[in-house]
Amino acid sequence: MAESGDLRRVVRAGWEVVRLRVVAALESGQVKGYRQAAEVFQVAEWSVGSWWRAYQAGGREALVVRRTSRPGPHEKIGPEDRAVLFQAMADYTPEELLIVRSC
């Protein structure tokens, strides 16, 4: 069984292939317009449009899937506090740290 990190990489690579196929179909004339491409490839019409515009502006490189961080607060705790937390997690059990699950 693949780990979730591996699965995410496969999914990202799969979407890159879909993007390239959609653009190739549009470029070759196999599909006529965003709506038909969306129907053929089972994706949103706005996705087709954004992929096409990205390809027109930046070529194939613009369709490559890049790993990005999620938006929002980047750090909830600082590096010093994180180091203390990780050390505590390594040295103690949840019970010893008085972490109680409430389910």
PDB file of N, CA and C in Angstrom:
ATOM      1  N   MET A   1       0.841  -1.188   0.000  1.00  0.00           N
ATOM      2  CA  MET A   1       0.000   0.000   0.000  1.00  0.00           C
ATOM      3  C   MET A   1       0.878   1.241   0.000  1.00  0.00           C
ATOM      4  N   ALA A   2       0.558   2.215  -0.801  1.00  0.00           N
ATOM      5  CA  ALA A   2       1.351   3.441  -0.893  1.00  0.00           C
ATOM      6  C   ALA A   2       1.072   4.341   0.304  1.00  0.00           C
ATOM      7  N   GLU A   3       2.107   5.019   0.766  1.00  0.00           N
ATOM      8  CA  GLU A   3       1.919   5.998   1.823  1.00  0.00           C
ATOM      9  C   GLU A   3       1.224   7.208   1.244  1.00  0.00           C
ATOM     10  N   SER A   4       0.591   8.006   2.118  1.00  0.00           N
ATOM     11  CA  SER A   4      -0.187   9.138   1.616  1.00  0.00           C
ATOM     12  C   SER A   4       0.682  10.120   0.835  1.00  0.00           C
ATOM     13  N   GLY A   5       1.929  10.316   1.233  1.00  0.00           N
ATOM     14  CA  GLY A   5       2.816  11.209   0.494  1.00  0.00           C
ATOM     15  C   GLY A   5       3.043  10.705  -0.920  1.00  0.00           C
ATOM     16  N   ASP A   6       3.198   9.391  -1.050  1.00  0.00           N
ATOM     17  CA  ASP A   6       3.384   8.797  -2.368  1.00  0.00           C
ATOM     18  C   ASP A   6       2.116   8.950  -3.202  1.00  0.00           C
ATOM     19  N   LEU A   7       0.962   8.756  -2.585  1.00  0.00           N
ATOM     20  CA  LEU A   7      -0.301   8.855  -3.286  1.00  0.00           C
ATOM     21  C   LEU A   7      -0.534  10.275  -3.776  1.00  0.00           C
ATOM     22  N   ARG A   8      -0.220  11.256  -2.947  1.00  0.00           N
ATOM     23  CA  ARG A   8      -0.387  12.645  -3.374  1.00  0.00           C
ATOM     24  C   ARG A   8       0.497  12.943  -4.579  1.00  0.00           C
ATOM     25  N   ARG A   9       1.704  12.399  -4.592  1.00  0.00           N
ATOM     26  CA  ARG A   9       2.602  12.621  -5.716  1.00  0.00           C
ATOM     27  C   ARG A   9       2.025  12.004  -6.982  1.00  0.00           C
ATOM     28  N   VAL A  10       1.444  10.809  -6.869  1.00  0.00           N
ATOM     29  CA  VAL A  10       0.836  10.139  -8.014  1.00  0.00           C
ATOM     30  C   VAL A  10      -0.354  10.948  -8.514  1.00  0.00           C
ATOM     31  N   VAL A  11      -1.173  11.436  -7.592  1.00  0.00           N
ATOM     32  CA  VAL A  11      -2.343  12.216  -7.985  1.00  0.00           C
ATOM     33  C   VAL A  11      -1.917  13.499  -8.684  1.00  0.00           C
ATOM     34  N   ARG A  12      -0.901  14.187  -8.128  1.00  0.00           N
ATOM     35  CA  ARG A  12      -0.414  15.410  -8.772  1.00  0.00           C
ATOM     36  C   ARG A  12       0.111  15.112 -10.169  1.00  0.00           C
ATOM     37  N   ALA A  13       0.859  14.032 -10.314  1.00  0.00           N
ATOM     38  CA  ALA A  13       1.399  13.661 -11.631  1.00  0.00           C
ATOM     39  C   ALA A  13       0.265  13.315 -12.588  1.00  0.00           C
ATOM     40  N   GLY A  14      -0.766  12.675 -12.079  1.00  0.00           N
ATOM     41  CA  GLY A  14      -1.915  12.341 -12.918  1.00  0.00           C
ATOM     42  C   GLY A  14      -2.611  13.574 -13.444  1.00  0.00           C
ATOM     43  N   TRP A  15      -2.757  14.592 -12.599  1.00  0.00           N
ATOM     44  CA  TRP A  15      -3.382  15.833 -13.046  1.00  0.00           C
ATOM     45  C   TRP A  15      -2.524  16.539 -14.072  1.00  0.00           C
ATOM     46  N   GLU A  16      -1.232  16.428 -13.935  1.00  0.00           N
ATOM     47  CA  GLU A  16      -0.348  17.033 -14.933  1.00  0.00           C
ATOM     48  C   GLU A  16      -0.581  16.383 -16.297  1.00  0.00           C
ATOM     49  N   VAL A  17      -0.732  15.076 -16.313  1.00  0.00           N
ATOM     50  CA  VAL A  17      -0.999  14.356 -17.562  1.00  0.00           C
ATOM     51  C   VAL A  17      -2.331  14.808 -18.155  1.00  0.00           C
ATOM     52  N   VAL A  18      -3.352  14.959 -17.299  1.00  0.00           N
ATOM     53  CA  VAL A  18      -4.660  15.420 -17.790  1.00  0.00           C
ATOM     54  C   VAL A  18      -4.522  16.805 -18.409  1.00  0.00           C
ATOM     55  N   ARG A  19      -3.820  17.696 -17.733  1.00  0.00           N
ATOM     56  CA  ARG A  19      -3.633  19.046 -18.276  1.00  0.00           C
ATOM     57  C   ARG A  19      -2.978  19.009 -19.650  1.00  0.00           C
ATOM     58  N   LEU A  20      -1.923  18.210 -19.764  1.00  0.00           N
ATOM     59  CA  LEU A  20      -1.204  18.121 -21.035  1.00  0.00           C
ATOM     60  C   LEU A  20      -2.087  17.537 -22.138  1.00  0.00           C
ATOM     61  N   ARG A  21      -2.899  16.540 -21.798  1.00  0.00           N
ATOM     62  CA  ARG A  21      -3.782  15.926 -22.796  1.00  0.00           C
ATOM     63  C   ARG A  21      -4.869  16.895 -23.244  1.00  0.00           C
ATOM     64  N   VAL A  22      -5.408  17.652 -22.292  1.00  0.00           N
ATOM     65  CA  VAL A  22      -6.436  18.640 -22.635  1.00  0.00           C
ATOM     66  C   VAL A  22      -5.863  19.675 -23.587  1.00  0.00           C
ATOM     67  N   VAL A  23      -4.695  20.203 -23.253  1.00  0.00           N
ATOM     68  CA  VAL A  23      -4.060  21.222 -24.089  1.00  0.00           C
ATOM     69  C   VAL A  23      -3.727  20.654 -25.470  1.00  0.00           C
ATOM     70  N   ALA A  24      -3.226  19.426 -25.502  1.00  0.00           N
ATOM     71  CA  ALA A  24      -2.899  18.807 -26.793  1.00  0.00           C
ATOM     72  C   ALA A  24      -4.146  18.633 -27.643  1.00  0.00           C
ATOM     73  N   ALA A  25      -5.256  18.244 -27.011  1.00  0.00           N
ATOM     74  CA  ALA A  25      -6.504  18.069 -27.759  1.00  0.00           C
ATOM     75  C   ALA A  25      -7.001  19.397 -28.313  1.00  0.00           C
ATOM     76  N   LEU A  26      -6.887  20.449 -27.523  1.00  0.00           N
ATOM     77  CA  LEU A  26      -7.295  21.776 -27.996  1.00  0.00           C
ATOM     78  C   LEU A  26      -6.395  22.246 -29.135  1.00  0.00           C
ATOM     79  N   GLU A  27      -5.097  22.067 -28.937  1.00  0.00           N
ATOM     80  CA  GLU A  27      -4.127  22.546 -29.923  1.00  0.00           C
ATOM     81  C   GLU A  27      -4.261  21.817 -31.258  1.00  0.00           C
ATOM     82  N   SER A  28      -4.540  20.518 -31.204  1.00  0.00           N
ATOM     83  CA  SER A  28      -4.636  19.734 -32.434  1.00  0.00           C
ATOM     84  C   SER A  28      -5.999  19.845 -33.104  1.00  0.00           C
ATOM     85  N   GLY A  29      -6.967  20.414 -32.397  1.00  0.00           N
ATOM     86  CA  GLY A  29      -8.305  20.533 -32.963  1.00  0.00           C
ATOM     87  C   GLY A  29      -9.171  19.308 -32.743  1.00  0.00           C
ATOM     88  N   GLN A  30      -8.692  18.339 -31.948  1.00  0.00           N
ATOM     89  CA  GLN A  30      -9.494  17.147 -31.667  1.00  0.00           C
ATOM     90  C   GLN A  30     -10.774  17.507 -30.919  1.00  0.00           C
ATOM     91  N   VAL A  31     -10.714  18.568 -30.122  1.00  0.00           N
ATOM     92  CA  VAL A  31     -11.909  19.081 -29.457  1.00  0.00           C
ATOM     93  C   VAL A  31     -12.078  20.535 -29.870  1.00  0.00           C
ATOM     94  N   LYS A  32     -13.306  20.956 -29.909  1.00  0.00           N
ATOM     95  CA  LYS A  32     -13.611  22.330 -30.324  1.00  0.00           C
ATOM     96  C   LYS A  32     -14.071  23.116 -29.107  1.00  0.00           C
ATOM     97  N   GLY A  33     -13.159  23.809 -28.494  1.00  0.00           N
ATOM     98  CA  GLY A  33     -13.519  24.696 -27.395  1.00  0.00           C
ATOM     99  C   GLY A  33     -13.432  24.067 -26.018  1.00  0.00           C
ATOM    100  N   TYR A  34     -13.548  24.947 -25.034  1.00  0.00           N
ATOM    101  CA  TYR A  34     -13.415  24.542 -23.633  1.00  0.00           C
ATOM    102  C   TYR A  34     -14.517  23.582 -23.204  1.00  0.00           C
ATOM    103  N   ARG A  35     -15.741  23.848 -23.644  1.00  0.00           N
ATOM    104  CA  ARG A  35     -16.864  23.027 -23.206  1.00  0.00           C
ATOM    105  C   ARG A  35     -16.699  21.577 -23.658  1.00  0.00           C
ATOM    106  N   GLN A  36     -16.334  21.384 -24.909  1.00  0.00           N
ATOM    107  CA  GLN A  36     -16.171  20.013 -25.408  1.00  0.00           C
ATOM    108  C   GLN A  36     -14.991  19.334 -24.712  1.00  0.00           C
ATOM    109  N   ALA A  37     -13.905  20.053 -24.507  1.00  0.00           N
ATOM    110  CA  ALA A  37     -12.752  19.478 -23.812  1.00  0.00           C
ATOM    111  C   ALA A  37     -13.138  19.066 -22.393  1.00  0.00           C
ATOM    112  N   ALA A  38     -13.910  19.908 -21.728  1.00  0.00           N
ATOM    113  CA  ALA A  38     -14.347  19.593 -20.363  1.00  0.00           C
ATOM    114  C   ALA A  38     -15.190  18.330 -20.334  1.00  0.00           C
ATOM    115  N   GLU A  39     -16.075  18.176 -21.320  1.00  0.00           N
ATOM    116  CA  GLU A  39     -16.913  16.988 -21.391  1.00  0.00           C
ATOM    117  C   GLU A  39     -16.095  15.739 -21.679  1.00  0.00           C
ATOM    118  N   VAL A  40     -15.185  15.842 -22.632  1.00  0.00           N
ATOM    119  CA  VAL A  40     -14.377  14.684 -23.032  1.00  0.00           C
ATOM    120  C   VAL A  40     -13.477  14.221 -21.891  1.00  0.00           C
ATOM    121  N   PHE A  41     -12.854  15.164 -21.189  1.00  0.00           N
ATOM    122  CA  PHE A  41     -11.887  14.803 -20.159  1.00  0.00           C
ATOM    123  C   PHE A  41     -12.467  14.798 -18.744  1.00  0.00           C
ATOM    124  N   GLN A  42     -13.765  15.056 -18.636  1.00  0.00           N
ATOM    125  CA  GLN A  42     -14.455  15.010 -17.352  1.00  0.00           C
ATOM    126  C   GLN A  42     -13.831  15.952 -16.320  1.00  0.00           C
ATOM    127  N   VAL A  43     -13.608  17.195 -16.739  1.00  0.00           N
ATOM    128  CA  VAL A  43     -13.065  18.222 -15.849  1.00  0.00           C
ATOM    129  C   VAL A  43     -13.939  19.464 -15.978  1.00  0.00           C
ATOM    130  N   ALA A  44     -13.721  20.425 -15.103  1.00  0.00           N
ATOM    131  CA  ALA A  44     -14.498  21.665 -15.139  1.00  0.00           C
ATOM    132  C   ALA A  44     -14.073  22.516 -16.335  1.00  0.00           C
ATOM    133  N   GLU A  45     -15.057  23.181 -16.913  1.00  0.00           N
ATOM    134  CA  GLU A  45     -14.775  24.034 -18.068  1.00  0.00           C
ATOM    135  C   GLU A  45     -13.806  25.163 -17.702  1.00  0.00           C
ATOM    136  N   TRP A  46     -13.952  25.724 -16.499  1.00  0.00           N
ATOM    137  CA  TRP A  46     -13.041  26.801 -16.095  1.00  0.00           C
ATOM    138  C   TRP A  46     -11.616  26.288 -15.936  1.00  0.00           C
ATOM    139  N   SER A  47     -11.456  25.005 -15.570  1.00  0.00           N
ATOM    140  CA  SER A  47     -10.113  24.427 -15.483  1.00  0.00           C
ATOM    141  C   SER A  47      -9.475  24.365 -16.860  1.00  0.00           C
ATOM    142  N   VAL A  48     -10.253  23.929 -17.832  1.00  0.00           N
ATOM    143  CA  VAL A  48      -9.742  23.858 -19.210  1.00  0.00           C
ATOM    144  C   VAL A  48      -9.266  25.237 -19.650  1.00  0.00           C
ATOM    145  N   GLY A  49     -10.082  26.255 -19.387  1.00  0.00           N
ATOM    146  CA  GLY A  49      -9.722  27.607 -19.777  1.00  0.00           C
ATOM    147  C   GLY A  49      -8.457  28.092 -19.091  1.00  0.00           C
ATOM    148  N   SER A  50      -8.346  27.815 -17.795  1.00  0.00           N
ATOM    149  CA  SER A  50      -7.153  28.282 -17.081  1.00  0.00           C
ATOM    150  C   SER A  50      -5.912  27.522 -17.536  1.00  0.00           C
ATOM    151  N   TRP A  51      -6.041  26.226 -17.842  1.00  0.00           N
ATOM    152  CA  TRP A  51      -4.899  25.458 -18.342  1.00  0.00           C
ATOM    153  C   TRP A  51      -4.474  25.964 -19.715  1.00  0.00           C
ATOM    154  N   TRP A  52      -5.453  26.244 -20.573  1.00  0.00           N
ATOM    155  CA  TRP A  52      -5.144  26.719 -21.915  1.00  0.00           C
ATOM    156  C   TRP A  52      -4.435  28.070 -21.848  1.00  0.00           C
ATOM    157  N   ARG A  53      -4.963  28.977 -21.025  1.00  0.00           N
ATOM    158  CA  ARG A  53      -4.341  30.297 -20.902  1.00  0.00           C
ATOM    159  C   ARG A  53      -2.934  30.186 -20.314  1.00  0.00           C
ATOM    160  N   ALA A  54      -2.760  29.314 -19.339  1.00  0.00           N
ATOM    161  CA  ALA A  54      -1.426  29.116 -18.753  1.00  0.00           C
ATOM    162  C   ALA A  54      -0.462  28.582 -19.807  1.00  0.00           C
ATOM    163  N   TYR A  55      -0.929  27.635 -20.609  1.00  0.00           N
ATOM    164  CA  TYR A  55      -0.092  27.063 -21.663  1.00  0.00           C
ATOM    165  C   TYR A  55       0.268  28.120 -22.700  1.00  0.00           C
ATOM    166  N   GLN A  56      -0.703  28.932 -23.086  1.00  0.00           N
ATOM    167  CA  GLN A  56      -0.454  29.989 -24.061  1.00  0.00           C
ATOM    168  C   GLN A  56       0.581  30.987 -23.536  1.00  0.00           C
ATOM    169  N   ALA A  57       0.534  31.275 -22.259  1.00  0.00           N
ATOM    170  CA  ALA A  57       1.441  32.263 -21.667  1.00  0.00           C
ATOM    171  C   ALA A  57       2.820  31.693 -21.364  1.00  0.00           C
ATOM    172  N   GLY A  58       2.874  30.428 -20.924  1.00  0.00           N
ATOM    173  CA  GLY A  58       4.155  29.892 -20.463  1.00  0.00           C
ATOM    174  C   GLY A  58       4.574  28.562 -21.036  1.00  0.00           C
ATOM    175  N   GLY A  59       3.833  28.032 -21.978  1.00  0.00           N
ATOM    176  CA  GLY A  59       4.189  26.751 -22.573  1.00  0.00           C
ATOM    177  C   GLY A  59       3.965  25.585 -21.638  1.00  0.00           C
ATOM    178  N   ARG A  60       4.546  24.475 -21.992  1.00  0.00           N
ATOM    179  CA  ARG A  60       4.368  23.236 -21.220  1.00  0.00           C
ATOM    180  C   ARG A  60       4.795  23.398 -19.767  1.00  0.00           C
ATOM    181  N   GLU A  61       5.817  24.191 -19.538  1.00  0.00           N
ATOM    182  CA  GLU A  61       6.325  24.409 -18.173  1.00  0.00           C
ATOM    183  C   GLU A  61       5.240  24.986 -17.260  1.00  0.00           C
ATOM    184  N   ALA A  62       4.325  25.747 -17.825  1.00  0.00           N
ATOM    185  CA  ALA A  62       3.259  26.361 -17.036  1.00  0.00           C
ATOM    186  C   ALA A  62       2.252  25.337 -16.528  1.00  0.00           C
ATOM    187  N   LEU A  63       2.250  24.139 -17.102  1.00  0.00           N
ATOM    188  CA  LEU A  63       1.300  23.099 -16.696  1.00  0.00           C
ATOM    189  C   LEU A  63       1.888  22.108 -15.701  1.00  0.00           C
ATOM    190  N   VAL A  64       3.174  22.255 -15.404  1.00  0.00           N
ATOM    191  CA  VAL A  64       3.828  21.355 -14.462  1.00  0.00           C
ATOM    192  C   VAL A  64       3.266  21.591 -13.075  1.00  0.00           C
ATOM    193  N   VAL A  65       3.003  20.503 -12.367  1.00  0.00           N
ATOM    194  CA  VAL A  65       2.473  20.601 -11.015  1.00  0.00           C
ATOM    195  C   VAL A  65       3.617  20.875 -10.061  1.00  0.00           C
ATOM    196  N   ARG A  66       3.482  21.964  -9.348  1.00  0.00           N
ATOM    197  CA  ARG A  66       4.497  22.309  -8.355  1.00  0.00           C
ATOM    198  C   ARG A  66       3.916  22.146  -6.968  1.00  0.00           C
ATOM    199  N   ARG A  67       4.712  21.662  -6.078  1.00  0.00           N
ATOM    200  CA  ARG A  67       4.258  21.525  -4.700  1.00  0.00           C
ATOM    201  C   ARG A  67       4.251  22.903  -4.050  1.00  0.00           C
ATOM    202  N   THR A  68       3.118  23.259  -3.498  1.00  0.00           N
ATOM    203  CA  THR A  68       3.011  24.539  -2.821  1.00  0.00           C
ATOM    204  C   THR A  68       2.470  24.326  -1.417  1.00  0.00           C
ATOM    205  N   SER A  69       2.751  25.280  -0.575  1.00  0.00           N
ATOM    206  CA  SER A  69       2.215  25.188   0.769  1.00  0.00           C
ATOM    207  C   SER A  69       0.783  25.679   0.764  1.00  0.00           C
ATOM    208  N   ARG A  70       0.044  25.275   1.751  1.00  0.00           N
ATOM    209  CA  ARG A  70      -1.334  25.701   1.865  1.00  0.00           C
ATOM    210  C   ARG A  70      -1.384  27.137   2.357  1.00  0.00           C
ATOM    211  N   PRO A  71      -2.397  27.861   1.936  1.00  0.00           N
ATOM    212  CA  PRO A  71      -2.511  29.236   2.403  1.00  0.00           C
ATOM    213  C   PRO A  71      -2.903  29.277   3.879  1.00  0.00           C
ATOM    214  N   GLY A  72      -2.609  30.361   4.491  1.00  0.00           N
ATOM    215  CA  GLY A  72      -2.970  30.537   5.897  1.00  0.00           C
ATOM    216  C   GLY A  72      -1.749  30.835   6.728  1.00  0.00           C
ATOM    217  N   PRO A  73      -1.948  30.875   8.025  1.00  0.00           N
ATOM    218  CA  PRO A  73      -0.802  31.159   8.902  1.00  0.00           C
ATOM    219  C   PRO A  73       0.256  30.077   8.714  1.00  0.00           C
ATOM    220  N   HIS A  74       1.453  30.510   8.427  1.00  0.00           N
ATOM    221  CA  HIS A  74       2.500  29.539   8.142  1.00  0.00           C
ATOM    222  C   HIS A  74       3.004  28.852   9.396  1.00  0.00           C
ATOM    223  N   GLU A  75       3.114  29.577  10.461  1.00  0.00           N
ATOM    224  CA  GLU A  75       3.652  28.992  11.677  1.00  0.00           C
ATOM    225  C   GLU A  75       2.755  29.334  12.864  1.00  0.00           C
ATOM    226  N   LYS A  76       2.293  28.314  13.541  1.00  0.00           N
ATOM    227  CA  LYS A  76       1.503  28.533  14.748  1.00  0.00           C
ATOM    228  C   LYS A  76       2.419  28.692  15.954  1.00  0.00           C
ATOM    229  N   ILE A  77       3.549  27.998  15.902  1.00  0.00           N
ATOM    230  CA  ILE A  77       4.522  28.131  16.987  1.00  0.00           C
ATOM    231  C   ILE A  77       5.899  28.380  16.370  1.00  0.00           C
ATOM    232  N   GLY A  78       6.762  28.958  17.142  1.00  0.00           N
ATOM    233  CA  GLY A  78       8.105  29.266  16.663  1.00  0.00           C
ATOM    234  C   GLY A  78       9.007  28.049  16.659  1.00  0.00           C
ATOM    235  N   PRO A  79      10.184  28.165  16.065  1.00  0.00           N
ATOM    236  CA  PRO A  79      11.114  27.035  15.969  1.00  0.00           C
ATOM    237  C   PRO A  79      11.590  26.531  17.333  1.00  0.00           C
ATOM    238  N   GLU A  80      11.780  27.438  18.292  1.00  0.00           N
ATOM    239  CA  GLU A  80      12.235  27.007  19.618  1.00  0.00           C
ATOM    240  C   GLU A  80      11.162  26.176  20.307  1.00  0.00           C
ATOM    241  N   ASP A  81       9.906  26.667  20.256  1.00  0.00           N
ATOM    242  CA  ASP A  81       8.804  25.927  20.873  1.00  0.00           C
ATOM    243  C   ASP A  81       8.578  24.595  20.172  1.00  0.00           C
ATOM    244  N   ARG A  82       8.740  24.576  18.865  1.00  0.00           N
ATOM    245  CA  ARG A  82       8.579  23.337  18.112  1.00  0.00           C
ATOM    246  C   ARG A  82       9.623  22.314  18.540  1.00  0.00           C
ATOM    247  N   ALA A  83      10.858  22.757  18.727  1.00  0.00           N
ATOM    248  CA  ALA A  83      11.921  21.844  19.152  1.00  0.00           C
ATOM    249  C   ALA A  83      11.597  21.249  20.522  1.00  0.00           C
ATOM    250  N   VAL A  84      11.100  22.082  21.439  1.00  0.00           N
ATOM    251  CA  VAL A  84      10.728  21.596  22.778  1.00  0.00           C
ATOM    252  C   VAL A  84       9.591  20.586  22.659  1.00  0.00           C
ATOM    253  N   LEU A  85       8.605  20.898  21.843  1.00  0.00           N
ATOM    254  CA  LEU A  85       7.461  20.004  21.663  1.00  0.00           C
ATOM    255  C   LEU A  85       7.895  18.664  21.090  1.00  0.00           C
ATOM    256  N   PHE A  86       8.713  18.687  20.042  1.00  0.00           N
ATOM    257  CA  PHE A  86       9.165  17.441  19.431  1.00  0.00           C
ATOM    258  C   PHE A  86       9.995  16.608  20.399  1.00  0.00           C
ATOM    259  N   GLN A  87      10.815  17.261  21.182  1.00  0.00           N
ATOM    260  CA  GLN A  87      11.618  16.530  22.170  1.00  0.00           C
ATOM    261  C   GLN A  87      10.714  15.885  23.212  1.00  0.00           C
ATOM    262  N   ALA A  88       9.697  16.610  23.665  1.00  0.00           N
ATOM    263  CA  ALA A  88       8.755  16.054  24.633  1.00  0.00           C
ATOM    264  C   ALA A  88       7.999  14.872  24.040  1.00  0.00           C
ATOM    265  N   MET A  89       7.621  14.971  22.775  1.00  0.00           N
ATOM    266  CA  MET A  89       6.920  13.869  22.122  1.00  0.00           C
ATOM    267  C   MET A  89       7.811  12.637  22.001  1.00  0.00           C
ATOM    268  N   ALA A  90       9.090  12.853  21.831  1.00  0.00           N
ATOM    269  CA  ALA A  90      10.025  11.740  21.713  1.00  0.00           C
ATOM    270  C   ALA A  90      10.302  11.098  23.065  1.00  0.00           C
ATOM    271  N   ASP A  91      10.301  11.900  24.130  1.00  0.00           N
ATOM    272  CA  ASP A  91      10.709  11.416  25.450  1.00  0.00           C
ATOM    273  C   ASP A  91       9.568  10.879  26.311  1.00  0.00           C
ATOM    274  N   TYR A  92       8.335  11.294  26.050  1.00  0.00           N
ATOM    275  CA  TYR A  92       7.218  10.966  26.936  1.00  0.00           C
ATOM    276  C   TYR A  92       6.043  10.392  26.167  1.00  0.00           C
ATOM    277  N   THR A  93       5.183   9.670  26.880  1.00  0.00           N
ATOM    278  CA  THR A  93       3.931   9.173  26.302  1.00  0.00           C
ATOM    279  C   THR A  93       2.885  10.269  26.429  1.00  0.00           C
ATOM    280  N   PRO A  94       1.780  10.181  25.684  1.00  0.00           N
ATOM    281  CA  PRO A  94       0.720  11.177  25.832  1.00  0.00           C
ATOM    282  C   PRO A  94       0.189  11.269  27.263  1.00  0.00           C
ATOM    283  N   GLU A  95       0.085  10.124  27.919  1.00  0.00           N
ATOM    284  CA  GLU A  95      -0.402  10.121  29.297  1.00  0.00           C
ATOM    285  C   GLU A  95       0.546  10.890  30.208  1.00  0.00           C
ATOM    286  N   GLU A  96       1.838  10.698  30.004  1.00  0.00           N
ATOM    287  CA  GLU A  96       2.820  11.411  30.824  1.00  0.00           C
ATOM    288  C   GLU A  96       2.762  12.918  30.570  1.00  0.00           C
ATOM    289  N   LEU A  97       2.374  13.316  29.378  1.00  0.00           N
ATOM    290  CA  LEU A  97       2.259  14.737  29.058  1.00  0.00           C
ATOM    291  C   LEU A  97       0.877  15.293  29.397  1.00  0.00           C
ATOM    292  N   LEU A  98       0.016  14.434  29.988  1.00  0.00           N
ATOM    293  CA  LEU A  98      -1.340  14.793  30.369  1.00  0.00           C
ATOM    294  C   LEU A  98      -2.193  15.199  29.162  1.00  0.00           C
ATOM    295  N   ILE A  99      -1.925  14.511  28.039  1.00  0.00           N
ATOM    296  CA  ILE A  99      -2.749  14.723  26.850  1.00  0.00           C
ATOM    297  C   ILE A  99      -3.870  13.698  26.909  1.00  0.00           C
ATOM    298  N   VAL A 100      -5.097  14.188  26.964  1.00  0.00           N
ATOM    299  CA  VAL A 100      -6.258  13.323  27.092  1.00  0.00           C
ATOM    300  C   VAL A 100      -7.114  13.478  25.844  1.00  0.00           C
ATOM    301  N   ARG A 101      -7.473  12.356  25.267  1.00  0.00           N
ATOM    302  CA  ARG A 101      -8.348  12.388  24.087  1.00  0.00           C
ATOM    303  C   ARG A 101      -9.785  12.522  24.561  1.00  0.00           C
ATOM    304  N   SER A 102     -10.519  13.401  23.922  1.00  0.00           N
ATOM    305  CA  SER A 102     -11.940  13.526  24.224  1.00  0.00           C
ATOM    306  C   SER A 102     -12.739  13.205  22.973  1.00  0.00           C
ATOM    307  N   CYS A 103     -13.214  11.984  22.890  1.00  0.00           N
ATOM    308  CA  CYS A 103     -13.975  11.551  21.712  1.00  0.00           C
ATOM    309  C   CYS A 103     -15.403  11.297  22.067  1.00  0.00           C
TER     310      CYS A 103
END
